[in-house]
Amino acid sequence: MNCTTTTATTTHSTMASSVPRLDTAGIAALLGLSREHVTDRLTKRVDFPKPYINVSRRTRYWRTSDVLAWMRGK
């Protein structure tokens, strides 16, 4: 039972790490904004994608494809 749980957790972690993702600094670099602007304003917009991974209140990751789609207005 413990081995199955470990395998499932490892598989999920591997899948999550293979998805191209951005943190707030990456989003800021992509958009030419400051990280503070992204953190304080952009990520709080209702039309901005929700984080893909919430590690903590301060550490979050967004799928790169979601951010790019948002940039294109989709």
Protein backbone atom coordinates (compact mmCIF):
# COMPACT_ATOMS: atom_id res chain seq x y z
CA MET A 1 0.00 0.00 0.00
CA ASN A 2 2.74 2.46 0.89
CA CYS A 3 4.61 1.65 -2.33
CA THR A 4 1.52 2.45 -4.45
CA THR A 5 1.07 5.78 -2.68
CA THR A 6 4.72 6.66 -3.30
CA THR A 7 4.45 5.71 -6.98
CA ALA A 8 1.30 7.81 -7.46
CA THR A 9 2.91 10.77 -5.73
CA THR A 10 6.09 10.44 -7.79
CA THR A 11 4.11 10.18 -11.04
CA HIS A 12 2.06 13.27 -10.16
CA SER A 13 5.21 15.22 -9.25
CA THR A 14 6.92 14.20 -12.48
CA MET A 15 3.89 15.20 -14.54
CA ALA A 16 3.61 18.55 -12.77
CA SER A 17 7.29 19.32 -13.32
CA SER A 18 7.10 18.53 -17.04
CA VAL A 19 4.46 21.22 -17.68
CA PRO A 20 6.08 24.49 -18.84
CA ARG A 21 5.34 26.97 -16.08
CA LEU A 22 6.12 30.50 -14.94
CA ASP A 23 6.42 32.12 -11.54
CA THR A 24 5.69 35.82 -11.00
CA ALA A 25 9.25 36.77 -11.99
CA GLY A 26 8.88 34.79 -15.23
CA ILE A 27 5.55 36.44 -16.01
CA ALA A 28 7.10 39.84 -15.31
CA ALA A 29 10.01 39.15 -17.66
CA LEU A 30 7.65 37.91 -20.37
CA LEU A 31 5.47 41.03 -20.14
CA GLY A 32 8.24 43.55 -19.45
CA LEU A 33 6.78 44.46 -16.05
CA SER A 34 8.16 44.42 -12.53
CA ARG A 35 7.61 41.34 -10.40
CA GLU A 36 5.91 43.56 -7.83
CA HIS A 37 3.38 44.77 -10.42
CA VAL A 38 2.60 41.20 -11.44
CA THR A 39 2.22 40.11 -7.80
CA ASP A 40 0.24 43.13 -6.58
CA ARG A 41 -1.99 43.80 -9.57
CA LEU A 42 -1.92 41.45 -12.52
CA THR A 43 -2.45 38.14 -10.71
CA LYS A 44 -5.42 39.64 -8.84
CA ARG A 45 -7.34 40.46 -12.02
CA VAL A 46 -10.42 38.29 -12.49
CA ASP A 47 -9.51 37.62 -16.12
CA PHE A 48 -5.97 36.45 -15.33
CA PRO A 49 -5.48 32.65 -15.25
CA LYS A 50 -5.55 30.92 -11.90
CA PRO A 51 -2.25 29.41 -10.70
CA TYR A 52 -1.53 25.86 -11.82
CA ILE A 53 0.44 25.08 -8.66
CA ASN A 54 0.05 26.78 -5.27
CA VAL A 55 3.08 25.82 -3.24
CA SER A 56 2.30 28.50 -0.67
CA ARG A 57 0.72 31.94 -0.52
CA ARG A 58 3.94 33.41 -1.88
CA THR A 59 5.03 30.66 -4.26
CA ARG A 60 2.75 29.96 -7.19
CA TYR A 61 3.21 28.78 -10.76
CA TRP A 62 1.11 29.35 -13.86
CA ARG A 63 1.06 27.24 -17.00
CA THR A 64 2.98 29.10 -19.68
CA SER A 65 0.25 28.21 -22.20
CA ASP A 66 -2.44 29.80 -19.96
CA VAL A 67 -0.46 33.04 -19.64
CA LEU A 68 0.24 33.17 -23.38
CA ALA A 69 -3.45 32.57 -24.15
CA TRP A 70 -4.38 35.36 -21.75
CA MET A 71 -1.92 37.66 -23.51
CA ARG A 72 -3.60 36.88 -26.84
CA GLY A 73 -6.97 37.69 -25.32
CA LYS A 74 -8.42 34.18 -25.35
